[in-house]
Amino acid sequence: MRTTFNYIGPILLTLCSPALAGRPTDKISFSCLPLTIEMSDPIMFPGNESDHLHLVAGGTAFQRTMAEDTARKAIGTTCGIEIDKSNYWVPELYHQTEGGFELVDVEGIELYYMNRACNYTEDATACDTQNEVAIAPPDGLRMVAGNPFLRTYDESNPAQQAISHMCIREDRSSNETKHLPQEPCSLLRSQVFFPSCWDGKNVDTHDHRSHMSYPAIGHYNQGVCPPSHPIAIISIFAEFLFNTKPYLDYDNLVYAMGDPTGYGLHGDFVNGWTDLDALRDALVTCTGEKGLTDPSCSVTKNQHGVLAPQSRPMEVHSPKEEREFGQNGPIPKLPGDNPVTGPGDEEEVGGKEGGKEGGKESGKNDGKEDNEQDESENDGSKPKPKPNPAPEDEGFGKGCWFCGWGG
């Protein structure tokens, strides 16, 4: 049952700081608290109610309709770095019981900004990240990673490789999978690695995807950008941690869009950094032994408050904000009446994603590059389908449950 948001950010920042490694790193990391849970998605459903419930962190200006500068003008943020007014959101996680669906408690949110991709250069086969720094995400950029309709996994697709889950066990060992874990976990870390290559022109497109890409040479989380998207931006990796310790029946976890497999995990980002030069400089000035606490660190040197996430009130509350989403016990249906669907379901999917006009899809991408699967209705009463196995990611997060990098 959702009652409180527990903050474990300071542990993450302390134990995983650059000082522990004793050498400079290629990333900065900081924690956030949840801002809200809402049926809102200003990227895919601008101005309308979204088709499933989201967990949102970041700038207090989050609302259903957001102009290019809305996030940047926020009064505050729930993230630890004050000049980051961006918003980050993922689908909520539920536990399915005979009595319905209850929200799983959130334990923390961790964000990583990393120097992993490089600009397209003819004949380049690798990046010189020691001497080159990617640009900050451009003003007004909004992007998505993952596909809510997926129920199977294509191991050859970088966009699907970028979505993963980390099971953190009672003994603090860990195991990373693309699907929801098939074992009991004390903590479940839902992980989203956003695309790092930009077309250099558009901060958004009709499908909200085609202006961004993953590297063409290398891996989804590092490498040379393709000629179609030649500009490398700082890579963003988001982790949302859920307390799954109470749920030994791990196969009854389901995401808010009715996904019991985990392959449909996705994340959204709206850029709200108020000083993009400082963000880019952070990969040089904030990556030494002192990290974000270095007096010369560009993103924190003028910070007025403590370097820790804070609870903040929203500036604009969504309609029906008092709706019961499972915070106080099971609800009979997932918000949005989403059926639980798995890889064996065959109904046409994709019609809900979008929303410029009353929930109609805005510039559907057809899902071809994401290998979408069809769904059929399931009222949640029949046994949930098991996910098709996927190869484990050889991530750096294995064996270190508190170190955030898992991609």
Protein backbone atom coordinates (compact mmCIF):
# COMPACT_ATOMS: atom_id res chain seq x y z
CA MET A 1 0.00 0.00 0.00
CA ARG A 2 1.32 3.43 -0.94
CA THR A 3 1.64 5.60 2.13
CA THR A 4 4.92 7.51 1.92
CA PHE A 5 7.83 8.08 -0.40
CA ASN A 6 11.02 6.87 1.26
CA TYR A 7 14.22 8.74 0.44
CA ILE A 8 17.50 6.78 0.20
CA GLY A 9 19.28 9.24 -2.07
CA PRO A 10 22.10 10.28 0.30
CA ILE A 11 23.22 6.65 0.55
CA LEU A 12 23.41 6.40 -3.20
CA LEU A 13 25.32 9.64 -3.57
CA THR A 14 27.81 8.88 -0.83
CA LEU A 15 28.67 5.28 -1.66
CA CYS A 16 28.82 5.82 -5.40
CA SER A 17 30.66 9.12 -5.42
CA PRO A 18 33.74 9.63 -7.60
CA ALA A 19 35.83 9.78 -4.44
CA LEU A 20 35.20 6.09 -3.89
CA ALA A 21 36.77 5.24 -7.22
CA GLY A 22 39.69 7.57 -6.57
CA ARG A 23 39.66 8.94 -10.10
CA PRO A 24 37.59 11.22 -12.31
CA THR A 25 34.46 9.75 -13.85
CA ASP A 26 32.43 10.47 -16.97
CA LYS A 27 29.17 11.17 -15.16
CA ILE A 28 27.33 13.09 -12.49
CA SER A 29 24.44 11.65 -10.51
CA PHE A 30 21.81 13.07 -8.19
CA SER A 31 18.60 12.00 -6.52
CA CYS A 32 15.00 13.15 -6.82
CA LEU A 33 11.79 12.70 -4.89
CA PRO A 34 8.46 12.04 -6.61
CA LEU A 35 6.56 15.19 -7.55
CA THR A 36 3.20 13.62 -8.30
CA ILE A 37 1.37 10.59 -9.62
CA GLU A 38 -1.05 11.58 -12.37
CA MET A 39 -2.94 10.49 -15.44
CA SER A 40 -0.88 13.07 -17.33
CA ASP A 41 1.69 12.94 -20.11
CA PRO A 42 2.35 16.34 -21.75
CA ILE A 43 4.41 14.71 -24.52
CA MET A 44 2.10 11.94 -25.72
CA PHE A 45 -1.23 13.34 -24.48
CA PRO A 46 -0.81 17.14 -24.47
CA GLY A 47 -3.79 18.82 -22.84
CA ASN A 48 -5.56 15.55 -22.16
CA GLU A 49 -5.72 12.76 -19.63
CA SER A 50 -3.18 10.05 -20.40
CA ASP A 51 -4.19 6.43 -20.82
CA HIS A 52 -2.21 5.19 -17.80
CA LEU A 53 -0.82 6.48 -14.52
CA HIS A 54 2.65 8.02 -14.34
CA LEU A 55 5.15 8.62 -11.55
CA VAL A 56 6.66 12.08 -12.12
CA ALA A 57 9.78 13.71 -10.68
CA GLY A 58 11.46 17.08 -11.15
CA GLY A 59 10.24 20.59 -11.82
CA THR A 60 7.13 21.89 -10.11
CA ALA A 61 5.72 23.35 -13.35
CA PHE A 62 4.70 19.89 -14.62
CA GLN A 63 1.22 19.98 -16.15
CA ARG A 64 -0.75 18.50 -19.02
CA THR A 65 0.13 21.25 -21.47
CA MET A 66 3.75 22.39 -21.48
CA ALA A 67 5.34 24.88 -23.87
CA GLU A 68 9.04 24.69 -24.69
CA ASP A 69 9.92 26.98 -21.78
CA THR A 70 7.34 25.81 -19.21
CA ALA A 71 9.66 23.44 -17.38
CA ARG A 72 12.54 25.90 -17.32
CA LYS A 73 10.35 28.52 -15.62
CA ALA A 74 9.39 26.24 -12.73
CA ILE A 75 9.64 27.71 -9.24
CA GLY A 76 11.32 24.64 -7.81
CA THR A 77 12.23 20.99 -8.31
CA THR A 78 12.12 17.76 -6.33
CA CYS A 79 15.63 16.91 -7.59
CA GLY A 80 18.85 17.60 -5.72
CA ILE A 81 20.31 20.08 -8.23
CA GLU A 82 18.31 23.31 -8.13
CA ILE A 83 18.98 24.39 -11.71
CA ASP A 84 17.47 21.19 -13.08
CA LYS A 85 13.78 21.97 -13.50
CA SER A 86 13.34 19.11 -15.98
CA ASN A 87 10.60 16.50 -15.63
CA TYR A 88 11.14 12.76 -15.75
CA TRP A 89 8.34 10.19 -15.65
CA VAL A 90 7.68 6.46 -15.95
CA PRO A 91 4.57 4.29 -15.56
CA GLU A 92 3.57 3.42 -12.01
CA LEU A 93 4.12 -0.11 -10.74
CA TYR A 94 1.27 -2.13 -9.24
CA HIS A 95 0.91 -5.38 -7.36
CA GLN A 96 -2.05 -7.42 -8.53
CA THR A 97 -4.09 -9.25 -5.88
CA GLU A 98 -7.40 -11.08 -5.85
CA GLY A 99 -8.91 -7.84 -4.63
CA GLY A 100 -7.48 -5.69 -7.40
CA PHE A 101 -4.37 -3.57 -7.81
CA GLU A 102 -2.31 -1.72 -5.19
CA LEU A 103 0.53 0.74 -5.76
CA VAL A 104 4.04 -0.40 -4.95
CA ASP A 105 5.95 2.04 -2.72
CA VAL A 106 8.67 4.17 -4.30
CA GLU A 107 12.05 3.99 -2.55
CA GLY A 108 14.05 6.52 -4.55
CA ILE A 109 14.86 8.07 -7.91
CA GLU A 110 18.39 8.48 -9.23
CA LEU A 111 19.48 10.33 -12.38
CA TYR A 112 22.77 10.06 -14.24
CA TYR A 113 24.15 12.48 -16.83
CA MET A 114 27.04 10.83 -18.70
CA ASN A 115 29.50 11.54 -21.48
CA ARG A 116 28.96 8.41 -23.54
CA ALA A 117 28.11 9.31 -27.16
CA CYS A 118 30.03 11.33 -29.75
CA ASN A 119 29.18 13.26 -32.91
CA TYR A 120 29.00 11.50 -36.24
CA THR A 121 32.30 11.63 -38.07
CA GLU A 122 32.89 9.76 -41.29
CA ASP A 123 34.90 6.57 -40.72
CA ALA A 124 34.80 6.98 -36.92
CA THR A 125 34.50 3.68 -35.07
CA ALA A 126 34.79 4.84 -31.45
CA CYS A 127 34.49 7.94 -29.26
CA ASP A 128 37.29 9.86 -27.57
CA THR A 129 35.28 10.72 -24.46
CA GLN A 130 38.45 11.63 -22.56
CA ASN A 131 38.92 14.69 -24.76
CA GLU A 132 35.45 15.38 -26.14
CA VAL A 133 32.30 16.28 -24.23
CA ALA A 134 28.82 15.96 -25.71
CA ILE A 135 26.57 19.02 -25.71
CA ALA A 136 23.83 19.52 -23.16
CA PRO A 137 20.29 18.60 -24.24
CA PRO A 138 19.00 21.60 -26.21
CA ASP A 139 16.47 24.04 -24.79
CA GLY A 140 12.93 22.66 -25.04
CA LEU A 141 13.99 19.11 -25.87
CA ARG A 142 11.47 16.43 -25.09
CA MET A 143 12.01 12.76 -25.78
CA VAL A 144 10.78 9.29 -24.93
CA ALA A 145 12.51 5.98 -24.46
CA GLY A 146 10.80 2.61 -24.60
CA ASN A 147 7.42 1.53 -25.93
CA PRO A 148 4.41 0.93 -23.64
CA PHE A 149 2.88 -1.60 -26.03
CA LEU A 150 5.79 -4.03 -26.13
CA ARG A 151 5.26 -7.44 -24.57
CA THR A 152 8.18 -9.25 -26.23
CA TYR A 153 11.87 -8.48 -26.63
CA ASP A 154 14.05 -8.01 -29.71
CA GLU A 155 17.65 -8.34 -28.56
CA SER A 156 18.93 -6.69 -31.77
CA ASN A 157 17.01 -3.44 -31.19
CA PRO A 158 19.01 -0.75 -29.30
CA ALA A 159 15.81 1.00 -28.24
CA GLN A 160 14.73 -2.16 -26.44
CA GLN A 161 18.18 -2.84 -25.04
CA ALA A 162 17.94 0.57 -23.35
CA ILE A 163 15.12 -0.63 -21.07
CA SER A 164 15.97 -2.91 -18.16
CA HIS A 165 15.25 -3.99 -14.59
CA MET A 166 17.59 -4.65 -11.69
CA CYS A 167 16.51 -7.09 -9.00
CA ILE A 168 18.23 -6.23 -5.72
CA ARG A 169 18.02 -9.20 -3.39
CA GLU A 170 17.88 -9.42 0.40
CA ASP A 171 21.63 -10.14 0.54
CA ARG A 172 22.26 -7.04 -1.63
CA SER A 173 23.37 -9.07 -4.63
CA SER A 174 21.67 -8.09 -7.86
CA ASN A 175 20.57 -9.41 -11.22
CA GLU A 176 19.67 -7.40 -14.32
CA THR A 177 17.05 -8.49 -16.84
CA LYS A 178 15.09 -6.86 -19.63
CA HIS A 179 11.81 -8.29 -18.33
CA LEU A 180 10.37 -7.88 -14.86
CA PRO A 181 12.38 -10.13 -12.51
CA GLN A 182 11.26 -13.71 -12.14
CA GLU A 183 12.44 -13.96 -8.53
CA PRO A 184 11.72 -12.21 -5.23
CA CYS A 185 13.46 -8.82 -4.95
CA SER A 186 13.85 -6.52 -1.96
CA LEU A 187 14.11 -3.62 -4.38
CA LEU A 188 13.19 -3.40 -8.03
CA ARG A 189 15.07 -0.81 -10.05
CA SER A 190 13.26 0.20 -13.25
CA GLN A 191 15.93 1.56 -15.60
CA VAL A 192 15.59 3.78 -18.68
CA PHE A 193 18.49 4.92 -20.86
CA PHE A 194 17.38 7.78 -23.11
CA PRO A 195 18.65 8.16 -26.70
CA SER A 196 21.83 10.25 -26.96
CA CYS A 197 21.92 11.29 -30.63
CA TRP A 198 19.99 14.35 -31.89
CA ASP A 199 19.10 15.40 -35.43
CA GLY A 200 20.41 18.90 -34.66
CA LYS A 201 17.17 20.59 -35.72
CA ASN A 202 14.06 19.52 -33.84
CA VAL A 203 13.41 19.54 -30.12
CA ASP A 204 10.30 17.45 -30.77
CA THR A 205 8.63 15.73 -33.72
CA HIS A 206 5.14 14.51 -34.54
CA ASP A 207 5.93 11.03 -33.22
CA HIS A 208 8.12 12.37 -30.37
CA ARG A 209 10.83 9.89 -31.35
CA SER A 210 12.30 10.48 -34.79
CA HIS A 211 14.38 13.52 -33.77
CA MET A 212 16.42 11.27 -31.47
CA SER A 213 18.40 8.07 -31.97
CA TYR A 214 20.74 5.68 -30.22
CA PRO A 215 24.37 5.42 -31.42
CA ALA A 216 24.89 3.61 -34.71
CA ILE A 217 28.36 2.31 -33.85
CA GLY A 218 28.92 0.93 -30.37
CA HIS A 219 26.05 0.20 -28.03
CA TYR A 220 22.79 1.79 -26.93
CA ASN A 221 24.65 3.40 -24.02
CA GLN A 222 27.81 4.57 -25.79
CA GLY A 223 29.16 5.08 -29.28
CA VAL A 224 29.20 7.10 -32.48
CA CYS A 225 25.99 8.82 -33.59
CA PRO A 226 24.50 8.05 -37.03
CA PRO A 227 24.65 10.59 -39.91
CA SER A 228 20.87 11.07 -39.62
CA HIS A 229 21.32 12.19 -35.99
CA PRO A 230 24.87 13.53 -35.99
CA ILE A 231 24.89 15.51 -32.74
CA ALA A 232 25.70 13.76 -29.48
CA ILE A 233 24.01 15.04 -26.33
CA ILE A 234 24.86 14.15 -22.76
CA SER A 235 23.36 10.72 -22.06
CA ILE A 236 20.57 10.55 -19.48
CA PHE A 237 20.01 7.38 -17.47
CA ALA A 238 17.08 7.23 -15.03
CA GLU A 239 16.48 4.76 -12.23
CA PHE A 240 13.19 4.45 -10.35
CA LEU A 241 13.41 2.19 -7.28
CA PHE A 242 10.37 0.34 -5.94
CA ASN A 243 10.01 -1.53 -2.65
CA THR A 244 9.04 -5.03 -3.76
CA LYS A 245 10.15 -6.78 -0.55
CA PRO A 246 6.56 -7.40 0.63
CA TYR A 247 5.68 -9.24 -2.58
CA LEU A 248 6.99 -12.79 -2.64
CA ASP A 249 4.51 -13.43 -5.45
CA TYR A 250 6.78 -11.47 -7.78
CA ASP A 251 4.88 -12.61 -10.88
CA ASN A 252 1.95 -10.42 -9.84
CA LEU A 253 3.77 -7.15 -10.51
CA VAL A 254 2.33 -5.16 -13.39
CA TYR A 255 2.97 -1.72 -14.85
CA ALA A 256 0.13 0.80 -15.04
CA MET A 257 -0.47 0.25 -18.78
CA GLY A 258 -1.30 -3.39 -18.03
CA ASP A 259 2.15 -4.82 -18.72
CA PRO A 260 3.16 -7.87 -16.64
CA THR A 261 6.27 -8.56 -18.72
CA GLY A 262 8.25 -5.35 -18.15
CA TYR A 263 9.15 -5.00 -21.82
CA GLY A 264 6.74 -2.06 -22.04
CA LEU A 265 8.62 0.03 -19.48
CA HIS A 266 9.22 3.50 -20.88
CA GLY A 267 10.34 6.93 -19.77
CA ASP A 268 9.74 10.54 -20.79
CA PHE A 269 11.90 13.64 -20.45
CA VAL A 270 11.16 17.35 -20.82
CA ASN A 271 14.25 19.56 -20.59
CA GLY A 272 14.10 22.22 -17.90
CA TRP A 273 17.76 22.94 -17.15
CA THR A 274 18.12 26.68 -16.60
CA ASP A 275 21.85 26.82 -17.42
CA LEU A 276 22.88 24.50 -20.25
CA ASP A 277 26.47 25.73 -20.26
CA ALA A 278 26.76 24.77 -16.60
CA LEU A 279 25.36 21.33 -17.37
CA ARG A 280 27.90 20.68 -20.08
CA ASP A 281 30.73 22.02 -17.93
CA ALA A 282 29.61 19.67 -15.13
CA LEU A 283 31.15 16.72 -16.94
CA VAL A 284 34.49 18.45 -16.46
CA THR A 285 34.09 20.43 -13.23
CA CYS A 286 31.97 17.97 -11.21
CA THR A 287 33.60 14.64 -12.05
CA GLY A 288 36.65 14.81 -9.81
CA GLU A 289 37.04 13.21 -6.40
CA LYS A 290 34.66 15.69 -4.72
CA GLY A 291 31.96 15.29 -7.34
CA LEU A 292 29.01 17.62 -6.96
CA THR A 293 30.44 19.00 -3.71
CA ASP A 294 33.50 20.45 -5.44
CA PRO A 295 33.46 24.26 -4.98
CA SER A 296 34.10 24.65 -8.72
CA CYS A 297 31.29 22.29 -9.76
CA SER A 298 29.34 24.31 -12.31
CA VAL A 299 25.86 22.99 -11.49
CA THR A 300 26.07 23.36 -7.71
CA LYS A 301 28.48 26.22 -6.97
CA ASN A 302 25.62 28.74 -6.85
CA GLN A 303 23.17 26.38 -5.14
CA HIS A 304 21.27 27.99 -2.26
CA GLY A 305 19.80 24.89 -0.67
CA VAL A 306 21.22 21.55 0.40
CA LEU A 307 22.38 19.10 -2.23
CA ALA A 308 19.48 16.75 -1.64
CA PRO A 309 16.01 16.31 -3.12
CA GLN A 310 13.14 18.15 -1.50
CA SER A 311 9.38 17.65 -1.49
CA ARG A 312 7.75 20.52 -3.38
CA PRO A 313 4.16 21.50 -4.11
CA MET A 314 3.02 21.52 -7.71
CA GLU A 315 2.25 24.84 -9.33
CA VAL A 316 -0.64 23.46 -11.40
CA HIS A 317 -2.72 20.57 -10.11
CA SER A 318 -4.21 18.13 -12.57
CA PRO A 319 -7.96 17.67 -12.89
CA LYS A 320 -9.43 14.92 -10.69
CA GLU A 321 -6.33 15.06 -8.53
CA GLU A 322 -8.16 13.46 -5.60
CA ARG A 323 -8.86 10.30 -7.57
CA GLU A 324 -7.98 7.03 -5.86
CA PHE A 325 -5.09 5.34 -7.65
CA GLY A 326 -4.44 2.59 -5.12
CA GLN A 327 -2.56 4.66 -2.55
CA ASN A 328 -4.82 3.45 0.25
CA GLY A 329 -5.47 -0.11 -0.75
CA PRO A 330 -6.36 -2.19 -3.80
CA ILE A 331 -8.53 -0.75 -6.55
CA PRO A 332 -10.61 -3.04 -8.80
CA LYS A 333 -9.10 -1.86 -12.10
CA LEU A 334 -5.95 -0.17 -13.28
CA PRO A 335 -6.50 3.58 -13.82
CA GLY A 336 -7.65 4.09 -17.38
CA ASP A 337 -9.29 0.64 -17.31
CA ASN A 338 -6.18 -0.90 -18.83
CA PRO A 339 -6.43 -4.69 -19.23
CA VAL A 340 -3.47 -6.86 -18.28
CA THR A 341 -1.98 -8.06 -21.57
CA GLY A 342 0.93 -10.31 -22.43
CA PRO A 343 2.87 -11.68 -25.40
CA GLY A 344 0.11 -14.10 -26.39
CA ASP A 345 -2.57 -11.46 -26.81
CA GLU A 346 -3.44 -10.56 -30.38
CA GLU A 347 -5.62 -7.44 -30.41
CA GLU A 348 -4.39 -4.42 -32.38
CA VAL A 349 -2.46 -2.08 -30.09
CA GLY A 350 -1.14 1.43 -30.35
CA GLY A 351 -4.33 3.42 -30.74
CA LYS A 352 -4.12 4.99 -27.31
CA GLU A 353 -0.61 6.35 -27.43
CA GLY A 354 -0.68 9.95 -28.58
CA GLY A 355 -3.30 12.44 -27.67
CA LYS A 356 -3.28 15.75 -29.48
CA GLU A 357 -6.98 15.30 -30.03
CA GLY A 358 -8.90 13.62 -27.28
CA GLY A 359 -6.50 10.72 -26.92
CA LYS A 360 -6.01 10.10 -30.63
CA GLU A 361 -2.54 9.20 -31.59
CA SER A 362 -0.37 12.08 -32.70
CA GLY A 363 1.88 11.02 -35.53
CA LYS A 364 1.92 7.29 -34.85
CA ASN A 365 5.32 5.74 -35.38
CA ASP A 366 3.74 2.34 -36.15
CA GLY A 367 6.14 0.78 -33.68
CA LYS A 368 8.05 -0.97 -36.45
CA GLU A 369 11.42 -0.02 -35.11
CA ASP A 370 10.35 -1.10 -31.64
CA ASN A 371 8.90 -4.47 -32.69
CA GLU A 372 5.48 -3.82 -31.17
CA GLN A 373 3.27 -6.76 -30.26
CA ASP A 374 -0.50 -6.91 -30.34
CA GLU A 375 -2.64 -7.07 -27.22
CA SER A 376 -6.11 -8.35 -26.33
CA GLU A 377 -8.29 -7.47 -23.42
CA ASN A 378 -7.80 -9.17 -20.10
CA ASP A 379 -9.91 -8.16 -17.15
CA GLY A 380 -7.09 -9.13 -14.81
CA SER A 381 -8.84 -12.23 -13.52
CA LYS A 382 -7.01 -14.81 -15.62
CA PRO A 383 -3.40 -15.88 -14.85
CA LYS A 384 -0.85 -13.39 -16.06
CA PRO A 385 1.33 -14.47 -18.99
CA LYS A 386 5.03 -15.04 -18.36
CA PRO A 387 7.51 -12.92 -20.32
CA ASN A 388 9.61 -14.46 -23.03
CA PRO A 389 13.18 -14.79 -21.74
CA ALA A 390 15.67 -12.14 -22.82
CA PRO A 391 19.44 -12.08 -22.52
CA GLU A 392 20.79 -10.40 -19.40
CA ASP A 393 22.56 -7.09 -19.86
CA GLU A 394 26.23 -7.16 -18.94
CA GLY A 395 25.79 -4.02 -16.88
CA PHE A 396 28.17 -2.38 -14.43
CA GLY A 397 25.50 -2.50 -11.71
CA LYS A 398 25.81 -6.22 -10.97
CA GLY A 399 26.88 -7.08 -7.47
CA CYS A 400 26.53 -3.49 -6.17
CA TRP A 401 22.92 -2.82 -5.27
CA PHE A 402 23.57 0.74 -4.14
CA CYS A 403 25.67 1.82 -7.13
CA GLY A 404 23.28 3.32 -9.60
CA TRP A 405 24.87 2.58 -12.94
CA GLY A 406 23.25 -0.49 -14.40
CA GLY A 407 23.38 0.19 -18.13
